[in-house]
């Protein structure tokens, strides 16, 4: 995995096809063929998407006889969640200030 895990994860998540693959894997393991079915892309294209997800640590690919299952690895998503969570206090404070401002505006508009 690259030293900058967040950048690799965000880069992998930037593509809608890869996000759809992760959404499918959230319900359980799947083969490359199963992952390819909903898309109109070639086998080499799906393989490239899977390699990006694998390099970002978002999936692992196994081998069980003829079946090569792909599995979601949630740890990088948890790291993204934690990183975004650092900004929660900022967002909440911004919403609190907006709420205060709206109350002030409403209080001005109340006829006396």
N, C-alpha and C. Protein backbone atom coordinates (compact mmCIF):
# COMPACT_ATOMS: atom_id res chain seq x y z
N UNK A 1 0.84 -1.18 0.00
CA UNK A 1 0.00 0.00 0.00
C UNK A 1 0.89 1.25 0.00
N UNK A 2 0.51 2.28 -0.75
CA UNK A 2 1.33 3.48 -0.78
C UNK A 2 1.40 4.14 0.59
N UNK A 3 2.44 4.94 0.83
CA UNK A 3 2.57 5.58 2.14
C UNK A 3 1.38 6.48 2.48
N UNK A 4 0.79 7.14 1.48
CA UNK A 4 -0.34 8.02 1.72
C UNK A 4 -1.64 7.25 1.47
N UNK A 5 -2.11 6.56 2.49
CA UNK A 5 -3.27 5.69 2.37
C UNK A 5 -4.53 6.45 1.98
N UNK A 6 -4.71 7.63 2.57
CA UNK A 6 -5.92 8.39 2.26
C UNK A 6 -5.99 8.79 0.79
N UNK A 7 -4.87 9.20 0.24
CA UNK A 7 -4.87 9.59 -1.18
C UNK A 7 -5.20 8.40 -2.07
N UNK A 8 -4.64 7.25 -1.75
CA UNK A 8 -4.92 6.04 -2.53
C UNK A 8 -6.40 5.66 -2.41
N UNK A 9 -6.94 5.79 -1.22
CA UNK A 9 -8.34 5.44 -1.01
C UNK A 9 -9.25 6.42 -1.75
N UNK A 10 -9.00 7.72 -1.60
CA UNK A 10 -9.83 8.70 -2.30
C UNK A 10 -9.70 8.55 -3.82
N UNK A 11 -8.52 8.26 -4.29
CA UNK A 11 -8.32 8.06 -5.73
C UNK A 11 -9.15 6.87 -6.22
N UNK A 12 -9.12 5.79 -5.45
CA UNK A 12 -9.89 4.60 -5.83
C UNK A 12 -11.39 4.90 -5.79
N UNK A 13 -11.82 5.68 -4.82
CA UNK A 13 -13.24 6.00 -4.67
C UNK A 13 -13.73 7.03 -5.68
N UNK A 14 -12.83 7.67 -6.38
CA UNK A 14 -13.19 8.73 -7.31
C UNK A 14 -13.96 8.21 -8.53
N UNK A 15 -13.86 6.94 -8.80
CA UNK A 15 -14.51 6.37 -9.99
C UNK A 15 -15.83 5.70 -9.63
N UNK A 16 -16.91 6.02 -10.34
CA UNK A 16 -18.21 5.43 -10.00
C UNK A 16 -18.27 3.92 -10.19
N UNK A 17 -17.52 3.39 -11.14
CA UNK A 17 -17.51 1.94 -11.33
C UNK A 17 -16.89 1.27 -10.12
N UNK A 18 -15.81 1.82 -9.61
CA UNK A 18 -15.16 1.22 -8.43
C UNK A 18 -16.05 1.35 -7.20
N UNK A 19 -16.76 2.46 -7.07
CA UNK A 19 -17.70 2.60 -5.94
C UNK A 19 -18.81 1.56 -6.05
N UNK A 20 -19.28 1.31 -7.26
CA UNK A 20 -20.33 0.29 -7.46
C UNK A 20 -19.80 -1.11 -7.13
N UNK A 21 -18.55 -1.37 -7.48
CA UNK A 21 -17.94 -2.66 -7.14
C UNK A 21 -17.88 -2.82 -5.63
N UNK A 22 -17.46 -1.78 -4.93
CA UNK A 22 -17.40 -1.84 -3.46
C UNK A 22 -18.79 -2.04 -2.86
N UNK A 23 -19.78 -1.37 -3.43
CA UNK A 23 -21.15 -1.53 -2.94
C UNK A 23 -21.60 -2.98 -3.10
N UNK A 24 -21.27 -3.58 -4.23
CA UNK A 24 -21.63 -4.99 -4.45
C UNK A 24 -20.91 -5.89 -3.45
N UNK A 25 -19.62 -5.63 -3.21
CA UNK A 25 -18.84 -6.46 -2.29
C UNK A 25 -19.28 -6.28 -0.84
N UNK A 26 -19.95 -5.19 -0.54
CA UNK A 26 -20.46 -4.99 0.82
C UNK A 26 -21.50 -6.05 1.18
N UNK A 27 -22.11 -6.67 0.19
CA UNK A 27 -23.09 -7.73 0.46
C UNK A 27 -22.48 -9.12 0.43
N UNK A 28 -21.18 -9.20 0.17
CA UNK A 28 -20.49 -10.50 0.21
C UNK A 28 -19.49 -10.65 -0.91
N UNK A 29 -18.68 -11.69 -0.79
CA UNK A 29 -17.65 -11.96 -1.79
C UNK A 29 -18.29 -12.20 -3.16
N UNK A 30 -17.51 -11.92 -4.20
CA UNK A 30 -17.98 -12.13 -5.57
C UNK A 30 -16.78 -12.42 -6.47
N UNK A 31 -17.04 -13.16 -7.52
CA UNK A 31 -16.00 -13.43 -8.50
C UNK A 31 -15.86 -12.23 -9.44
N UNK A 32 -14.78 -12.22 -10.18
CA UNK A 32 -14.56 -11.14 -11.15
C UNK A 32 -15.70 -11.14 -12.17
N UNK A 33 -16.13 -12.32 -12.60
CA UNK A 33 -17.22 -12.42 -13.56
C UNK A 33 -18.50 -11.82 -12.98
N UNK A 34 -18.80 -12.12 -11.72
CA UNK A 34 -19.99 -11.57 -11.08
C UNK A 34 -19.91 -10.05 -10.96
N UNK A 35 -18.72 -9.55 -10.67
CA UNK A 35 -18.54 -8.11 -10.53
C UNK A 35 -18.66 -7.39 -11.87
N UNK A 36 -18.32 -8.09 -12.93
CA UNK A 36 -18.33 -7.50 -14.27
C UNK A 36 -19.74 -7.42 -14.85
N UNK A 37 -20.65 -8.29 -14.41
CA UNK A 37 -21.97 -8.42 -15.03
C UNK A 37 -22.75 -7.11 -15.18
N UNK A 38 -22.85 -6.26 -14.16
CA UNK A 38 -23.69 -5.07 -14.33
C UNK A 38 -23.09 -3.98 -15.22
N UNK A 39 -21.86 -4.15 -15.64
CA UNK A 39 -21.18 -3.11 -16.40
C UNK A 39 -20.97 -3.54 -17.85
N UNK A 40 -20.96 -2.58 -18.73
CA UNK A 40 -20.66 -2.84 -20.13
C UNK A 40 -19.21 -2.49 -20.40
N UNK A 41 -18.32 -3.23 -19.72
CA UNK A 41 -16.89 -3.01 -19.89
C UNK A 41 -16.21 -4.35 -20.13
N UNK A 42 -15.02 -4.28 -20.66
CA UNK A 42 -14.28 -5.49 -21.02
C UNK A 42 -13.64 -6.12 -19.78
N UNK A 43 -13.29 -7.41 -19.88
CA UNK A 43 -12.58 -8.05 -18.77
C UNK A 43 -11.28 -7.32 -18.38
N UNK A 44 -10.48 -6.84 -19.34
CA UNK A 44 -9.29 -6.10 -18.93
C UNK A 44 -9.62 -4.81 -18.16
N UNK A 45 -10.72 -4.16 -18.53
CA UNK A 45 -11.11 -2.92 -17.84
C UNK A 45 -11.52 -3.22 -16.40
N UNK A 46 -12.29 -4.28 -16.17
CA UNK A 46 -12.69 -4.62 -14.80
C UNK A 46 -11.47 -5.01 -13.99
N UNK A 47 -10.53 -5.69 -14.62
CA UNK A 47 -9.29 -6.08 -13.94
C UNK A 47 -8.51 -4.85 -13.50
N UNK A 48 -8.47 -3.83 -14.34
CA UNK A 48 -7.77 -2.59 -13.97
C UNK A 48 -8.45 -1.94 -12.76
N UNK A 49 -9.78 -1.91 -12.76
CA UNK A 49 -10.51 -1.35 -11.61
C UNK A 49 -10.19 -2.13 -10.34
N UNK A 50 -10.19 -3.44 -10.45
CA UNK A 50 -9.91 -4.28 -9.28
C UNK A 50 -8.49 -4.07 -8.77
N UNK A 51 -7.54 -3.87 -9.68
CA UNK A 51 -6.16 -3.61 -9.26
C UNK A 51 -6.05 -2.30 -8.49
N UNK A 52 -6.77 -1.28 -8.94
CA UNK A 52 -6.76 0.01 -8.23
C UNK A 52 -7.32 -0.18 -6.83
N UNK A 53 -8.45 -0.89 -6.74
CA UNK A 53 -9.07 -1.13 -5.42
C UNK A 53 -8.15 -1.96 -4.52
N UNK A 54 -7.48 -2.93 -5.12
CA UNK A 54 -6.57 -3.79 -4.35
C UNK A 54 -5.35 -2.99 -3.85
N UNK A 55 -4.77 -2.15 -4.72
CA UNK A 55 -3.63 -1.33 -4.31
C UNK A 55 -4.00 -0.36 -3.18
N UNK A 56 -5.25 0.10 -3.19
CA UNK A 56 -5.72 1.00 -2.14
C UNK A 56 -6.08 0.24 -0.86
N UNK A 57 -6.02 -1.08 -0.92
CA UNK A 57 -6.34 -1.88 0.25
C UNK A 57 -7.83 -2.04 0.50
N UNK A 58 -8.64 -1.68 -0.50
CA UNK A 58 -10.09 -1.74 -0.34
C UNK A 58 -10.68 -3.12 -0.63
N UNK A 59 -9.93 -3.95 -1.37
CA UNK A 59 -10.37 -5.32 -1.61
C UNK A 59 -9.17 -6.26 -1.52
N UNK A 60 -9.48 -7.52 -1.30
CA UNK A 60 -8.49 -8.57 -1.44
C UNK A 60 -9.04 -9.57 -2.44
N UNK A 61 -8.14 -10.23 -3.13
CA UNK A 61 -8.55 -11.25 -4.10
C UNK A 61 -7.93 -12.57 -3.67
N UNK A 62 -8.78 -13.57 -3.59
CA UNK A 62 -8.33 -14.88 -3.15
C UNK A 62 -8.32 -15.88 -4.28
N UNK A 63 -8.08 -17.12 -3.90
CA UNK A 63 -8.09 -18.20 -4.89
C UNK A 63 -8.57 -19.46 -4.19
N UNK A 64 -9.72 -19.95 -4.64
CA UNK A 64 -10.28 -21.18 -4.12
C UNK A 64 -10.60 -22.07 -5.31
N UNK A 65 -9.70 -22.98 -5.63
CA UNK A 65 -9.82 -23.84 -6.81
C UNK A 65 -9.97 -22.95 -8.05
N UNK A 66 -11.09 -23.09 -8.78
CA UNK A 66 -11.31 -22.28 -9.98
C UNK A 66 -11.92 -20.92 -9.67
N UNK A 67 -12.39 -20.75 -8.45
CA UNK A 67 -13.08 -19.51 -8.08
C UNK A 67 -12.08 -18.54 -7.48
N UNK A 68 -12.08 -17.30 -7.94
CA UNK A 68 -11.19 -16.27 -7.42
C UNK A 68 -12.04 -15.15 -6.82
N UNK A 69 -12.42 -15.32 -5.57
CA UNK A 69 -13.33 -14.33 -4.97
C UNK A 69 -12.63 -13.02 -4.62
N UNK A 70 -13.39 -11.95 -4.74
CA UNK A 70 -12.95 -10.63 -4.29
C UNK A 70 -13.73 -10.34 -3.02
N UNK A 71 -13.07 -9.70 -2.08
CA UNK A 71 -13.67 -9.44 -0.78
C UNK A 71 -13.40 -7.99 -0.39
N UNK A 72 -14.41 -7.33 0.16
CA UNK A 72 -14.27 -5.95 0.64
C UNK A 72 -13.39 -5.93 1.89
N UNK A 73 -12.50 -4.96 1.95
CA UNK A 73 -11.69 -4.71 3.14
C UNK A 73 -12.06 -3.30 3.62
N UNK A 74 -12.69 -3.22 4.76
CA UNK A 74 -13.27 -1.95 5.20
C UNK A 74 -12.31 -1.02 5.93
N UNK A 75 -11.16 -1.50 6.34
CA UNK A 75 -10.25 -0.66 7.12
C UNK A 75 -9.94 0.68 6.46
N UNK A 76 -9.62 0.74 5.17
CA UNK A 76 -9.37 2.05 4.56
C UNK A 76 -10.59 2.96 4.59
N UNK A 77 -11.78 2.39 4.49
CA UNK A 77 -13.00 3.21 4.57
C UNK A 77 -13.17 3.78 5.97
N UNK A 78 -12.77 3.01 6.95
CA UNK A 78 -12.83 3.49 8.34
C UNK A 78 -11.85 4.66 8.53
N UNK A 79 -10.69 4.57 7.90
CA UNK A 79 -9.71 5.66 7.98
C UNK A 79 -10.26 6.93 7.33
N UNK A 80 -10.99 6.78 6.22
CA UNK A 80 -11.62 7.93 5.57
C UNK A 80 -12.68 8.52 6.51
N UNK A 81 -13.46 7.65 7.11
CA UNK A 81 -14.49 8.09 8.06
C UNK A 81 -13.86 8.89 9.20
N UNK A 82 -12.77 8.38 9.75
CA UNK A 82 -12.09 9.08 10.85
C UNK A 82 -11.56 10.43 10.40
N UNK A 83 -10.99 10.48 9.20
CA UNK A 83 -10.44 11.73 8.69
C UNK A 83 -11.55 12.76 8.50
N UNK A 84 -12.64 12.34 7.88
CA UNK A 84 -13.77 13.25 7.68
C UNK A 84 -14.37 13.66 9.02
N UNK A 85 -14.37 12.76 9.98
CA UNK A 85 -14.92 13.05 11.30
C UNK A 85 -14.21 14.21 12.00
N UNK A 86 -12.96 14.45 11.64
CA UNK A 86 -12.22 15.57 12.22
C UNK A 86 -12.88 16.90 11.89
N UNK A 87 -13.64 16.94 10.80
CA UNK A 87 -14.28 18.17 10.35
C UNK A 87 -15.71 18.30 10.88
N UNK A 88 -16.18 17.29 11.57
CA UNK A 88 -17.53 17.33 12.12
C UNK A 88 -17.74 18.52 13.05
N UNK A 89 -16.77 18.77 13.92
CA UNK A 89 -16.89 19.90 14.85
C UNK A 89 -17.04 21.21 14.08
N UNK A 90 -16.27 21.37 13.02
CA UNK A 90 -16.38 22.57 12.18
C UNK A 90 -17.78 22.70 11.59
N UNK A 91 -18.29 21.59 11.00
CA UNK A 91 -19.62 21.63 10.38
C UNK A 91 -20.68 21.93 11.42
N UNK A 92 -20.60 21.27 12.56
CA UNK A 92 -21.61 21.48 13.60
C UNK A 92 -21.58 22.91 14.11
N UNK A 93 -20.40 23.46 14.29
CA UNK A 93 -20.28 24.85 14.74
C UNK A 93 -20.85 25.79 13.68
N UNK A 94 -20.61 25.49 12.42
CA UNK A 94 -21.14 26.33 11.34
C UNK A 94 -22.67 26.28 11.33
N UNK A 95 -23.22 25.12 11.51
CA UNK A 95 -24.68 24.99 11.56
C UNK A 95 -25.25 25.70 12.79
N UNK A 96 -24.55 25.62 13.91
CA UNK A 96 -25.00 26.32 15.12
C UNK A 96 -25.02 27.83 14.89
N UNK A 97 -23.98 28.36 14.22
CA UNK A 97 -23.94 29.80 13.93
C UNK A 97 -25.06 30.18 12.97
N UNK A 98 -25.31 29.33 11.98
CA UNK A 98 -26.39 29.60 11.03
C UNK A 98 -27.74 29.60 11.75
N UNK A 99 -27.94 28.64 12.64
CA UNK A 99 -29.19 28.58 13.41
C UNK A 99 -29.37 29.84 14.26
N UNK A 100 -28.31 30.27 14.92
CA UNK A 100 -28.37 31.50 15.72
C UNK A 100 -28.74 32.70 14.85
N UNK A 101 -28.12 32.78 13.69
CA UNK A 101 -28.39 33.89 12.78
C UNK A 101 -29.85 33.86 12.31
N UNK A 102 -30.35 32.70 11.97
CA UNK A 102 -31.75 32.59 11.53
C UNK A 102 -32.71 32.98 12.66
N UNK A 103 -32.40 32.61 13.87
CA UNK A 103 -33.24 33.00 15.00
C UNK A 103 -33.25 34.52 15.17
N UNK A 104 -32.08 35.15 15.00
CA UNK A 104 -32.01 36.59 15.08
C UNK A 104 -32.87 37.24 14.00
N UNK A 105 -32.79 36.74 12.80
CA UNK A 105 -33.59 37.26 11.70
C UNK A 105 -35.09 37.09 11.96
N UNK A 106 -35.44 35.93 12.47
CA UNK A 106 -36.84 35.69 12.77
C UNK A 106 -37.34 36.60 13.89
N UNK A 107 -36.49 36.83 14.89
CA UNK A 107 -36.88 37.71 16.00
C UNK A 107 -37.10 39.13 15.51
N UNK A 108 -36.33 39.59 14.53
CA UNK A 108 -36.50 40.93 13.96
C UNK A 108 -37.81 41.06 13.19
N UNK A 109 -38.22 39.94 12.55
CA UNK A 109 -39.40 39.98 11.71
C UNK A 109 -40.70 39.83 12.49
N UNK A 110 -40.63 39.49 13.76
CA UNK A 110 -41.84 39.34 14.58
C UNK A 110 -42.43 40.71 14.87
N UNK A 111 -43.72 40.94 14.47
CA UNK A 111 -44.33 42.26 14.74
C UNK A 111 -44.53 42.46 16.24
N UNK A 112 -44.35 43.67 16.66
CA UNK A 112 -44.48 43.97 18.08
C UNK A 112 -45.76 44.67 18.39
